[in-house]
PDB file of N, CA and C in Angstrom:
ATOM      1  N   MET A   1     -24.157  39.256 -12.126  1.00  0.00           N
ATOM      2  CA  MET A   1     -24.364  38.166 -11.151  1.00  0.00           C
ATOM      3  C   MET A   1     -23.209  37.979 -10.632  1.00  0.00           C
ATOM      4  N   SER A   2     -22.937  37.526  -9.238  1.00  0.00           N
ATOM      5  CA  SER A   2     -22.012  37.196  -8.332  1.00  0.00           C
ATOM      6  C   SER A   2     -21.207  35.889  -8.578  1.00  0.00           C
ATOM      7  N   ASP A   3     -20.110  35.983  -8.256  1.00  0.00           N
ATOM      8  CA  ASP A   3     -19.253  34.531  -8.142  1.00  0.00           C
ATOM      9  C   ASP A   3     -19.232  33.835  -6.700  1.00  0.00           C
ATOM     10  N   TRP A   4     -19.985  34.065  -5.899  1.00  0.00           N
ATOM     11  CA  TRP A   4     -19.931  33.569  -4.614  1.00  0.00           C
ATOM     12  C   TRP A   4     -20.795  32.514  -4.785  1.00  0.00           C
ATOM     13  N   ASP A   5     -20.591  31.376  -4.324  1.00  0.00           N
ATOM     14  CA  ASP A   5     -20.939  30.311  -4.046  1.00  0.00           C
ATOM     15  C   ASP A   5     -21.839  29.783  -2.608  1.00  0.00           C
ATOM     16  N   GLY A   6     -21.891  30.692  -1.893  1.00  0.00           N
ATOM     17  CA  GLY A   6     -22.612  30.538  -0.658  1.00  0.00           C
ATOM     18  C   GLY A   6     -21.886  29.518   0.176  1.00  0.00           C
ATOM     19  N   ARG A   7     -20.592  29.691   0.213  1.00  0.00           N
ATOM     20  CA  ARG A   7     -19.993  29.061   1.272  1.00  0.00           C
ATOM     21  C   ARG A   7     -18.689  30.477   1.729  1.00  0.00           C
ATOM     22  N   ARG A   8     -18.475  30.084   3.136  1.00  0.00           N
ATOM     23  CA  ARG A   8     -17.667  30.854   3.758  1.00  0.00           C
ATOM     24  C   ARG A   8     -15.999  30.357   3.679  1.00  0.00           C
ATOM     25  N   TRP A   9     -15.082  30.946   4.142  1.00  0.00           N
ATOM     26  CA  TRP A   9     -14.056  30.252   3.933  1.00  0.00           C
ATOM     27  C   TRP A   9     -13.500  29.252   4.771  1.00  0.00           C
ATOM     28  N   HIS A  10     -14.594  28.822   5.873  1.00  0.00           N
ATOM     29  CA  HIS A  10     -14.126  27.513   6.452  1.00  0.00           C
ATOM     30  C   HIS A  10     -14.756  26.349   5.878  1.00  0.00           C
ATOM     31  N   ASP A  11     -15.654  26.719   4.843  1.00  0.00           N
ATOM     32  CA  ASP A  11     -16.412  25.693   4.463  1.00  0.00           C
ATOM     33  C   ASP A  11     -15.858  25.059   3.255  1.00  0.00           C
ATOM     34  N   MET A  12     -15.006  23.883   3.491  1.00  0.00           N
ATOM     35  CA  MET A  12     -14.029  23.411   2.132  1.00  0.00           C
ATOM     36  C   MET A  12     -14.474  21.911   2.089  1.00  0.00           C
ATOM     37  N   GLY A  13     -15.725  21.761   2.429  1.00  0.00           N
ATOM     38  CA  GLY A  13     -16.346  20.406   1.848  1.00  0.00           C
ATOM     39  C   GLY A  13     -16.227  20.028   0.516  1.00  0.00           C
ATOM     40  N   GLY A  14     -16.035  19.008   0.093  1.00  0.00           N
ATOM     41  CA  GLY A  14     -15.942  18.602  -1.496  1.00  0.00           C
ATOM     42  C   GLY A  14     -14.942  19.521  -2.400  1.00  0.00           C
ATOM     43  N   GLN A  15     -13.975  20.061  -1.909  1.00  0.00           N
ATOM     44  CA  GLN A  15     -13.243  20.644  -2.552  1.00  0.00           C
ATOM     45  C   GLN A  15     -11.746  20.240  -2.431  1.00  0.00           C
ATOM     46  N   ASP A  16     -11.240  20.152  -3.174  1.00  0.00           N
ATOM     47  CA  ASP A  16      -9.695  19.222  -3.682  1.00  0.00           C
ATOM     48  C   ASP A  16      -9.046  20.091  -2.508  1.00  0.00           C
ATOM     49  N   ALA A  17      -8.266  19.261  -1.699  1.00  0.00           N
ATOM     50  CA  ALA A  17      -7.392  19.627  -0.425  1.00  0.00           C
ATOM     51  C   ALA A  17      -5.994  19.049  -0.836  1.00  0.00           C
ATOM     52  N   GLY A  18      -6.121  17.814  -1.548  1.00  0.00           N
ATOM     53  CA  GLY A  18      -4.879  17.243  -1.495  1.00  0.00           C
ATOM     54  C   GLY A  18      -4.864  15.973  -0.872  1.00  0.00           C
ATOM     55  N   PRO A  19      -3.930  15.345  -0.803  1.00  0.00           N
ATOM     56  CA  PRO A  19      -3.944  13.844  -0.125  1.00  0.00           C
ATOM     57  C   PRO A  19      -4.241  14.064   1.722  1.00  0.00           C
ATOM     58  N   VAL A  20      -4.869  13.444   2.008  1.00  0.00           N
ATOM     59  CA  VAL A  20      -4.990  12.947   3.627  1.00  0.00           C
ATOM     60  C   VAL A  20      -4.165  12.244   4.064  1.00  0.00           C
ATOM     61  N   PRO A  21      -2.970  12.515   5.283  1.00  0.00           N
ATOM     62  CA  PRO A  21      -2.256  11.881   5.640  1.00  0.00           C
ATOM     63  C   PRO A  21      -2.788  10.739   6.405  1.00  0.00           C
ATOM     64  N   MET A  22      -2.616   9.678   5.827  1.00  0.00           N
ATOM     65  CA  MET A  22      -3.112   8.625   7.025  1.00  0.00           C
ATOM     66  C   MET A  22      -2.683   8.116   8.084  1.00  0.00           C
ATOM     67  N   ASP A  23      -1.061   8.565   8.606  1.00  0.00           N
ATOM     68  CA  ASP A  23      -0.355   8.205   9.197  1.00  0.00           C
ATOM     69  C   ASP A  23      -0.915   8.585  10.963  1.00  0.00           C
ATOM     70  N   GLY A  24      -0.341   7.591  11.834  1.00  0.00           N
ATOM     71  CA  GLY A  24      -1.110   8.054  13.250  1.00  0.00           C
ATOM     72  C   GLY A  24      -0.642   9.406  13.350  1.00  0.00           C
ATOM     73  N   HIS A  25      -1.469   9.725  14.678  1.00  0.00           N
ATOM     74  CA  HIS A  25      -0.817  10.876  15.221  1.00  0.00           C
ATOM     75  C   HIS A  25      -0.989  10.740  16.559  1.00  0.00           C
ATOM     76  N   ASP A  26       0.353  11.040  17.309  1.00  0.00           N
ATOM     77  CA  ASP A  26       0.347  10.889  18.734  1.00  0.00           C
ATOM     78  C   ASP A  26       0.362  12.123  19.416  1.00  0.00           C
ATOM     79  N   PHE A  27      -0.799  12.161  19.884  1.00  0.00           N
ATOM     80  CA  PHE A  27      -1.623  13.440  20.733  1.00  0.00           C
ATOM     81  C   PHE A  27      -0.445  13.968  21.575  1.00  0.00           C
ATOM     82  N   ALA A  28      -0.246  15.137  21.815  1.00  0.00           N
ATOM     83  CA  ALA A  28       0.374  15.668  23.100  1.00  0.00           C
ATOM     84  C   ALA A  28      -0.247  15.575  24.236  1.00  0.00           C
ATOM     85  N   LEU A  29      -0.128  15.747  25.317  1.00  0.00           N
ATOM     86  CA  LEU A  29      -0.563  15.960  26.588  1.00  0.00           C
ATOM     87  C   LEU A  29      -1.372  17.081  26.697  1.00  0.00           C
ATOM     88  N   TRP A  30      -0.715  18.339  26.185  1.00  0.00           N
ATOM     89  CA  TRP A  30      -1.887  19.482  26.302  1.00  0.00           C
ATOM     90  C   TRP A  30      -2.852  19.396  25.254  1.00  0.00           C
ATOM     91  N   GLU A  31      -2.956  18.400  24.018  1.00  0.00           N
ATOM     92  CA  GLU A  31      -3.976  18.375  23.455  1.00  0.00           C
ATOM     93  C   GLU A  31      -4.945  17.327  23.752  1.00  0.00           C
ATOM     94  N   LYS A  32      -4.877  16.673  24.681  1.00  0.00           N
ATOM     95  CA  LYS A  32      -5.700  15.661  25.245  1.00  0.00           C
ATOM     96  C   LYS A  32      -6.192  16.535  26.333  1.00  0.00           C
ATOM     97  N   ARG A  33      -5.580  17.491  26.952  1.00  0.00           N
ATOM     98  CA  ARG A  33      -6.437  18.268  27.981  1.00  0.00           C
ATOM     99  C   ARG A  33      -7.258  19.128  27.524  1.00  0.00           C
ATOM    100  N   ILE A  34      -7.047  19.941  26.135  1.00  0.00           N
ATOM    101  CA  ILE A  34      -8.216  20.517  25.612  1.00  0.00           C
ATOM    102  C   ILE A  34      -9.382  19.572  25.588  1.00  0.00           C
ATOM    103  N   ASP A  35      -9.105  18.487  24.644  1.00  0.00           N
ATOM    104  CA  ASP A  35     -10.098  17.732  24.508  1.00  0.00           C
ATOM    105  C   ASP A  35     -11.121  17.411  25.905  1.00  0.00           C
ATOM    106  N   ALA A  36     -10.445  17.183  26.935  1.00  0.00           N
ATOM    107  CA  ALA A  36     -11.137  16.663  28.177  1.00  0.00           C
ATOM    108  C   ALA A  36     -11.443  18.083  28.562  1.00  0.00           C
ATOM    109  N   LEU A  37     -10.771  19.266  28.524  1.00  0.00           N
ATOM    110  CA  LEU A  37     -11.690  20.460  28.789  1.00  0.00           C
ATOM    111  C   LEU A  37     -13.032  20.794  28.153  1.00  0.00           C
ATOM    112  N   MET A  38     -13.045  20.457  26.888  1.00  0.00           N
ATOM    113  CA  MET A  38     -14.364  20.738  25.991  1.00  0.00           C
ATOM    114  C   MET A  38     -15.142  19.806  26.693  1.00  0.00           C
ATOM    115  N   VAL A  39     -15.019  18.201  27.041  1.00  0.00           N
ATOM    116  CA  VAL A  39     -15.857  17.740  27.334  1.00  0.00           C
ATOM    117  C   VAL A  39     -16.570  18.106  28.776  1.00  0.00           C
ATOM    118  N   LEU A  40     -15.760  18.292  29.586  1.00  0.00           N
ATOM    119  CA  LEU A  40     -16.160  18.767  31.154  1.00  0.00           C
ATOM    120  C   LEU A  40     -16.757  19.964  30.917  1.00  0.00           C
ATOM    121  N   CYS A  41     -16.611  20.905  30.275  1.00  0.00           N
ATOM    122  CA  CYS A  41     -17.203  22.222  29.986  1.00  0.00           C
ATOM    123  C   CYS A  41     -18.689  22.064  29.377  1.00  0.00           C
ATOM    124  N   GLY A  42     -18.675  21.386  28.488  1.00  0.00           N
ATOM    125  CA  GLY A  42     -20.000  21.021  27.772  1.00  0.00           C
ATOM    126  C   GLY A  42     -20.657  20.451  28.934  1.00  0.00           C
ATOM    127  N   GLN A  43     -20.276  19.584  29.131  1.00  0.00           N
ATOM    128  CA  GLN A  43     -21.389  18.597  30.205  1.00  0.00           C
ATOM    129  C   GLN A  43     -21.922  19.720  31.459  1.00  0.00           C
ATOM    130  N   LYS A  44     -20.984  20.643  31.846  1.00  0.00           N
ATOM    131  CA  LYS A  44     -21.616  21.645  33.152  1.00  0.00           C
ATOM    132  C   LYS A  44     -22.299  22.486  32.401  1.00  0.00           C
ATOM    133  N   GLY A  45     -22.596  22.669  30.893  1.00  0.00           N
ATOM    134  CA  GLY A  45     -23.456  23.614  30.614  1.00  0.00           C
ATOM    135  C   GLY A  45     -22.885  25.018  30.130  1.00  0.00           C
ATOM    136  N   LEU A  46     -21.755  25.222  30.107  1.00  0.00           N
ATOM    137  CA  LEU A  46     -20.751  26.248  29.810  1.00  0.00           C
ATOM    138  C   LEU A  46     -20.858  26.874  28.634  1.00  0.00           C
ATOM    139  N   PHE A  47     -20.769  25.982  27.475  1.00  0.00           N
ATOM    140  CA  PHE A  47     -21.274  25.917  26.285  1.00  0.00           C
ATOM    141  C   PHE A  47     -21.858  25.208  25.519  1.00  0.00           C
ATOM    142  N   THR A  48     -22.043  25.278  24.202  1.00  0.00           N
ATOM    143  CA  THR A  48     -22.756  24.191  23.482  1.00  0.00           C
ATOM    144  C   THR A  48     -21.909  24.011  21.968  1.00  0.00           C
ATOM    145  N   VAL A  49     -22.181  23.171  21.485  1.00  0.00           N
ATOM    146  CA  VAL A  49     -21.042  22.878  20.438  1.00  0.00           C
ATOM    147  C   VAL A  49     -21.209  23.801  19.232  1.00  0.00           C
ATOM    148  N   ASP A  50     -22.653  24.602  19.311  1.00  0.00           N
ATOM    149  CA  ASP A  50     -22.869  25.643  18.448  1.00  0.00           C
ATOM    150  C   ASP A  50     -22.180  26.897  18.642  1.00  0.00           C
ATOM    151  N   GLY A  51     -21.791  27.076  19.974  1.00  0.00           N
ATOM    152  CA  GLY A  51     -21.178  28.083  20.557  1.00  0.00           C
ATOM    153  C   GLY A  51     -19.565  27.696  20.304  1.00  0.00           C
ATOM    154  N   LEU A  52     -19.333  26.878  20.317  1.00  0.00           N
ATOM    155  CA  LEU A  52     -17.797  26.418  19.885  1.00  0.00           C
ATOM    156  C   LEU A  52     -17.586  26.714  18.269  1.00  0.00           C
ATOM    157  N   ARG A  53     -18.586  26.268  17.332  1.00  0.00           N
ATOM    158  CA  ARG A  53     -18.402  26.174  16.224  1.00  0.00           C
ATOM    159  C   ARG A  53     -18.401  28.007  16.091  1.00  0.00           C
ATOM    160  N   ARG A  54     -19.072  28.690  16.091  1.00  0.00           N
ATOM    161  CA  ARG A  54     -19.333  29.911  16.151  1.00  0.00           C
ATOM    162  C   ARG A  54     -18.076  30.687  16.340  1.00  0.00           C
ATOM    163  N   ALA A  55     -17.700  30.523  17.444  1.00  0.00           N
ATOM    164  CA  ALA A  55     -16.349  31.084  17.736  1.00  0.00           C
ATOM    165  C   ALA A  55     -15.151  30.470  17.045  1.00  0.00           C
ATOM    166  N   LEU A  56     -15.084  29.320  16.466  1.00  0.00           N
ATOM    167  CA  LEU A  56     -14.044  29.127  15.550  1.00  0.00           C
ATOM    168  C   LEU A  56     -14.437  29.441  14.258  1.00  0.00           C
ATOM    169  N   GLU A  57     -15.478  29.647  13.698  1.00  0.00           N
ATOM    170  CA  GLU A  57     -15.881  30.474  12.425  1.00  0.00           C
ATOM    171  C   GLU A  57     -15.675  32.032  12.348  1.00  0.00           C
ATOM    172  N   ASP A  58     -15.458  32.432  13.859  1.00  0.00           N
ATOM    173  CA  ASP A  58     -15.380  33.877  14.102  1.00  0.00           C
ATOM    174  C   ASP A  58     -13.967  34.184  13.935  1.00  0.00           C
ATOM    175  N   MET A  59     -13.169  33.421  13.938  1.00  0.00           N
ATOM    176  CA  MET A  59     -11.572  33.557  14.257  1.00  0.00           C
ATOM    177  C   MET A  59     -11.017  34.147  12.780  1.00  0.00           C
ATOM    178  N   GLY A  60     -11.614  33.928  11.664  1.00  0.00           N
ATOM    179  CA  GLY A  60     -11.259  34.104  10.625  1.00  0.00           C
ATOM    180  C   GLY A  60     -10.308  33.387   9.605  1.00  0.00           C
ATOM    181  N   GLU A  61     -10.104  33.706   8.377  1.00  0.00           N
ATOM    182  CA  GLU A  61      -9.360  32.720   7.569  1.00  0.00           C
ATOM    183  C   GLU A  61      -7.908  32.618   8.069  1.00  0.00           C
ATOM    184  N   ASP A  62      -7.449  33.587   8.640  1.00  0.00           N
ATOM    185  CA  ASP A  62      -6.015  33.621   8.899  1.00  0.00           C
ATOM    186  C   ASP A  62      -5.744  32.721  10.052  1.00  0.00           C
ATOM    187  N   ALA A  63      -6.406  32.838  11.037  1.00  0.00           N
ATOM    188  CA  ALA A  63      -6.186  31.969  12.037  1.00  0.00           C
ATOM    189  C   ALA A  63      -6.541  30.644  11.780  1.00  0.00           C
ATOM    190  N   PHE A  64      -7.444  30.322  10.855  1.00  0.00           N
ATOM    191  CA  PHE A  64      -7.282  28.665  10.177  1.00  0.00           C
ATOM    192  C   PHE A  64      -6.306  28.049   9.767  1.00  0.00           C
ATOM    193  N   GLU A  65      -5.556  29.138   9.225  1.00  0.00           N
ATOM    194  CA  GLU A  65      -4.496  28.836   8.353  1.00  0.00           C
ATOM    195  C   GLU A  65      -3.051  28.641   9.188  1.00  0.00           C
ATOM    196  N   LYS A  66      -3.308  29.551  10.073  1.00  0.00           N
ATOM    197  CA  LYS A  66      -1.905  29.994  10.928  1.00  0.00           C
ATOM    198  C   LYS A  66      -2.092  28.810  12.300  1.00  0.00           C
ATOM    199  N   TYR A  67      -3.032  28.365  12.840  1.00  0.00           N
ATOM    200  CA  TYR A  67      -2.966  27.884  13.978  1.00  0.00           C
ATOM    201  C   TYR A  67      -3.422  26.465  13.839  1.00  0.00           C
ATOM    202  N   SER A  68      -2.908  25.386  14.669  1.00  0.00           N
ATOM    203  CA  SER A  68      -3.400  24.142  14.675  1.00  0.00           C
ATOM    204  C   SER A  68      -4.390  23.594  14.948  1.00  0.00           C
ATOM    205  N   TYR A  69      -5.021  22.762  15.180  1.00  0.00           N
ATOM    206  CA  TYR A  69      -6.554  22.135  15.474  1.00  0.00           C
ATOM    207  C   TYR A  69      -6.773  22.313  16.716  1.00  0.00           C
ATOM    208  N   TYR A  70      -6.056  21.986  17.315  1.00  0.00           N
ATOM    209  CA  TYR A  70      -6.025  22.033  19.153  1.00  0.00           C
ATOM    210  C   TYR A  70      -5.847  23.741  19.600  1.00  0.00           C
ATOM    211  N   GLU A  71      -4.798  24.659  18.854  1.00  0.00           N
ATOM    212  CA  GLU A  71      -4.819  25.845  19.282  1.00  0.00           C
ATOM    213  C   GLU A  71      -6.044  26.456  18.901  1.00  0.00           C
ATOM    214  N   ARG A  72      -6.514  26.207  17.819  1.00  0.00           N
ATOM    215  CA  ARG A  72      -7.939  26.704  17.735  1.00  0.00           C
ATOM    216  C   ARG A  72      -8.767  26.468  18.289  1.00  0.00           C
ATOM    217  N   TRP A  73      -9.130  25.013  18.633  1.00  0.00           N
ATOM    218  CA  TRP A  73     -10.023  24.808  19.935  1.00  0.00           C
ATOM    219  C   TRP A  73      -9.826  25.368  21.103  1.00  0.00           C
ATOM    220  N   ILE A  74      -8.548  25.452  21.807  1.00  0.00           N
ATOM    221  CA  ILE A  74      -8.772  26.116  22.860  1.00  0.00           C
ATOM    222  C   ILE A  74      -9.096  27.474  22.814  1.00  0.00           C
ATOM    223  N   ALA A  75      -8.574  28.343  22.072  1.00  0.00           N
ATOM    224  CA  ALA A  75      -9.213  29.989  21.427  1.00  0.00           C
ATOM    225  C   ALA A  75     -10.758  29.839  21.558  1.00  0.00           C
ATOM    226  N   ALA A  76     -11.265  28.531  21.045  1.00  0.00           N
ATOM    227  CA  ALA A  76     -12.826  28.759  20.874  1.00  0.00           C
ATOM    228  C   ALA A  76     -13.281  28.508  22.189  1.00  0.00           C
ATOM    229  N   VAL A  77     -12.472  27.457  23.157  1.00  0.00           N
ATOM    230  CA  VAL A  77     -13.039  27.256  24.375  1.00  0.00           C
ATOM    231  C   VAL A  77     -12.872  28.866  25.268  1.00  0.00           C
ATOM    232  N   ASN A  78     -11.643  29.055  25.441  1.00  0.00           N
ATOM    233  CA  ASN A  78     -11.577  30.100  26.036  1.00  0.00           C
ATOM    234  C   ASN A  78     -12.704  31.296  25.779  1.00  0.00           C
ATOM    235  N   GLN A  79     -12.764  31.630  24.386  1.00  0.00           N
ATOM    236  CA  GLN A  79     -14.050  32.608  24.127  1.00  0.00           C
ATOM    237  C   GLN A  79     -15.310  32.597  24.375  1.00  0.00           C
ATOM    238  N   ASN A  80     -15.615  31.203  24.782  1.00  0.00           N
ATOM    239  CA  ASN A  80     -16.861  30.802  25.296  1.00  0.00           C
ATOM    240  C   ASN A  80     -17.007  30.874  26.989  1.00  0.00           C
ATOM    241  N   LEU A  81     -15.930  30.596  27.554  1.00  0.00           N
ATOM    242  CA  LEU A  81     -15.875  30.621  28.841  1.00  0.00           C
ATOM    243  C   LEU A  81     -15.786  31.845  29.140  1.00  0.00           C
ATOM    244  N   ILE A  82     -15.536  33.338  28.700  1.00  0.00           N
ATOM    245  CA  ILE A  82     -15.223  34.372  29.096  1.00  0.00           C
ATOM    246  C   ILE A  82     -16.558  34.712  28.719  1.00  0.00           C
ATOM    247  N   GLU A  83     -17.585  34.433  27.367  1.00  0.00           N
ATOM    248  CA  GLU A  83     -18.941  34.763  27.492  1.00  0.00           C
ATOM    249  C   GLU A  83     -19.718  34.202  28.405  1.00  0.00           C
ATOM    250  N   ALA A  84     -19.353  33.215  29.185  1.00  0.00           N
ATOM    251  CA  ALA A  84     -20.648  32.356  29.902  1.00  0.00           C
ATOM    252  C   ALA A  84     -20.271  32.930  31.416  1.00  0.00           C
ATOM    253  N   GLY A  85     -18.894  33.693  31.585  1.00  0.00           N
ATOM    254  CA  GLY A  85     -18.734  34.561  32.574  1.00  0.00           C
ATOM    255  C   GLY A  85     -17.773  33.767  33.450  1.00  0.00           C
ATOM    256  N   ALA A  86     -17.287  32.507  32.952  1.00  0.00           N
ATOM    257  CA  ALA A  86     -16.770  31.677  33.954  1.00  0.00           C
ATOM    258  C   ALA A  86     -15.434  32.635  34.068  1.00  0.00           C
ATOM    259  N   TYR A  87     -15.041  33.224  33.692  1.00  0.00           N
ATOM    260  CA  TYR A  87     -13.969  34.027  34.220  1.00  0.00           C
ATOM    261  C   TYR A  87     -13.669  35.706  33.189  1.00  0.00           C
ATOM    262  N   SER A  88     -12.926  36.644  33.338  1.00  0.00           N
ATOM    263  CA  SER A  88     -12.930  37.568  32.778  1.00  0.00           C
ATOM    264  C   SER A  88     -11.551  37.808  32.106  1.00  0.00           C
ATOM    265  N   LEU A  89     -11.204  38.657  31.249  1.00  0.00           N
ATOM    266  CA  LEU A  89     -10.260  38.515  30.353  1.00  0.00           C
ATOM    267  C   LEU A  89      -9.141  38.908  31.506  1.00  0.00           C
ATOM    268  N   GLU A  90      -9.187  39.998  32.508  1.00  0.00           N
ATOM    269  CA  GLU A  90      -8.508  40.684  33.542  1.00  0.00           C
ATOM    270  C   GLU A  90      -8.100  39.333  34.521  1.00  0.00           C
ATOM    271  N   GLU A  91      -9.042  38.550  34.715  1.00  0.00           N
ATOM    272  CA  GLU A  91      -8.701  37.328  35.606  1.00  0.00           C
ATOM    273  C   GLU A  91      -8.029  36.185  34.806  1.00  0.00           C
ATOM    274  N   LEU A  92      -7.921  35.954  33.732  1.00  0.00           N
ATOM    275  CA  LEU A  92      -7.093  35.354  32.535  1.00  0.00           C
ATOM    276  C   LEU A  92      -5.408  35.829  32.699  1.00  0.00           C
ATOM    277  N   ALA A  93      -6.009  37.156  32.566  1.00  0.00           N
ATOM    278  CA  ALA A  93      -4.482  37.494  32.138  1.00  0.00           C
ATOM    279  C   ALA A  93      -3.427  37.569  33.524  1.00  0.00           C
ATOM    280  N   ALA A  94      -4.094  37.921  34.445  1.00  0.00           N
ATOM    281  CA  ALA A  94      -3.353  37.685  36.215  1.00  0.00           C
ATOM    282  C   ALA A  94      -2.960  36.222  36.129  1.00  0.00           C
ATOM    283  N   ARG A  95      -3.500  35.454  35.864  1.00  0.00           N
ATOM    284  CA  ARG A  95      -3.425  33.983  36.042  1.00  0.00           C
ATOM    285  C   ARG A  95      -2.360  33.665  35.157  1.00  0.00           C
ATOM    286  N   MET A  96      -2.197  33.969  33.781  1.00  0.00           N
ATOM    287  CA  MET A  96      -1.407  33.788  32.892  1.00  0.00           C
ATOM    288  C   MET A  96       0.175  34.169  33.274  1.00  0.00           C
ATOM    289  N   ASP A  97       0.145  35.369  33.893  1.00  0.00           N
ATOM    290  CA  ASP A  97       1.116  36.102  34.444  1.00  0.00           C
ATOM    291  C   ASP A  97       1.626  35.304  35.706  1.00  0.00           C
ATOM    292  N   GLU A  98       0.948  34.753  36.456  1.00  0.00           N
ATOM    293  CA  GLU A  98       1.074  34.070  37.676  1.00  0.00           C
ATOM    294  C   GLU A  98       2.196  32.661  37.046  1.00  0.00           C
ATOM    295  N   VAL A  99       1.478  32.011  35.962  1.00  0.00           N
ATOM    296  CA  VAL A  99       1.913  30.699  35.423  1.00  0.00           C
ATOM    297  C   VAL A  99       3.198  30.833  34.806  1.00  0.00           C
ATOM    298  N   ALA A 100       3.218  32.257  34.102  1.00  0.00           N
ATOM    299  CA  ALA A 100       4.583  32.513  33.425  1.00  0.00           C
ATOM    300  C   ALA A 100       5.901  32.600  34.246  1.00  0.00           C
ATOM    301  N   ARG A 101       5.635  33.151  35.642  1.00  0.00           N
ATOM    302  CA  ARG A 101       6.772  33.490  36.600  1.00  0.00           C
ATOM    303  C   ARG A 101       7.213  32.008  37.242  1.00  0.00           C
ATOM    304  N   ARG A 102       6.293  31.149  37.139  1.00  0.00           N
ATOM    305  CA  ARG A 102       7.268  30.114  37.491  1.00  0.00           C
ATOM    306  C   ARG A 102       8.279  29.308  36.601  1.00  0.00           C
ATOM    307  N   GLY A 103       8.057  29.867  35.436  1.00  0.00           N
ATOM    308  CA  GLY A 103       9.546  29.395  34.721  1.00  0.00           C
ATOM    309  C   GLY A 103       8.631  28.822  33.196  1.00  0.00           C
ATOM    310  N   PRO A 104       9.671  28.608  32.256  1.00  0.00           N
ATOM    311  CA  PRO A 104       9.232  28.456  30.954  1.00  0.00           C
ATOM    312  C   PRO A 104       9.017  26.839  30.429  1.00  0.00           C
ATOM    313  N   THR A 105       9.613  25.813  31.475  1.00  0.00           N
ATOM    314  CA  THR A 105       9.391  24.693  31.443  1.00  0.00           C
ATOM    315  C   THR A 105       8.851  24.102  32.671  1.00  0.00           C
ATOM    316  N   TYR A 106       8.138  22.662  32.497  1.00  0.00           N
ATOM    317  CA  TYR A 106       7.427  22.434  33.477  1.00  0.00           C
ATOM    318  C   TYR A 106       8.437  22.031  34.758  1.00  0.00           C
ATOM    319  N   GLY A 107       9.392  21.478  34.139  1.00  0.00           N
ATOM    320  CA  GLY A 107      10.480  21.120  35.275  1.00  0.00           C
ATOM    321  C   GLY A 107      10.747  22.024  36.155  1.00  0.00           C
ATOM    322  N   GLU A 108      10.840  23.590  35.431  1.00  0.00           N
ATOM    323  CA  GLU A 108      11.186  24.950  36.558  1.00  0.00           C
ATOM    324  C   GLU A 108      10.047  25.112  37.470  1.00  0.00           C
ATOM    325  N   ALA A 109       8.888  24.935  36.635  1.00  0.00           N
ATOM    326  CA  ALA A 109       7.558  25.309  37.309  1.00  0.00           C
ATOM    327  C   ALA A 109       7.687  24.302  38.564  1.00  0.00           C
ATOM    328  N   GLN A 110       8.056  23.245  38.426  1.00  0.00           N
ATOM    329  CA  GLN A 110       8.134  22.390  39.706  1.00  0.00           C
ATOM    330  C   GLN A 110       9.110  22.348  40.567  1.00  0.00           C
ATOM    331  N   GLY A 111      10.131  23.006  40.280  1.00  0.00           N
ATOM    332  CA  GLY A 111      11.499  23.583  41.232  1.00  0.00           C
ATOM    333  C   GLY A 111      12.203  22.160  40.728  1.00  0.00           C
ATOM    334  N   ASP A 112      12.170  21.441  39.911  1.00  0.00           N
ATOM    335  CA  ASP A 112      13.083  20.691  39.225  1.00  0.00           C
ATOM    336  C   ASP A 112      13.973  21.078  38.549  1.00  0.00           C
ATOM    337  N   GLY A 113      13.841  22.510  38.037  1.00  0.00           N
ATOM    338  CA  GLY A 113      14.821  23.135  36.710  1.00  0.00           C
ATOM    339  C   GLY A 113      16.000  23.891  37.076  1.00  0.00           C
TER     340      GLY A 113
END
């Protein structure tokens, strides 16, 4: 007989996880942008909720413990956009290199730093 209860690592519904913090969370600008990106891409038909969920679940337990909520979401969005052919890994890498060359802060990227 198996000890497996039919749950995958991410399915924690009904399990004791300790107290839920009820204080407010002031969302950072990048978190708001990820939320907006998810809505826009979904409306454009670039991915579905099911596709996002699959990408989140496929990240594995380590990523779930290591990354924040919005870090996991942007990774899932990225995975789905690559799969949809919106851009390639090579195009993403080139763009990230271009952005990195602007400087480590927003002010430096704008020429204010």
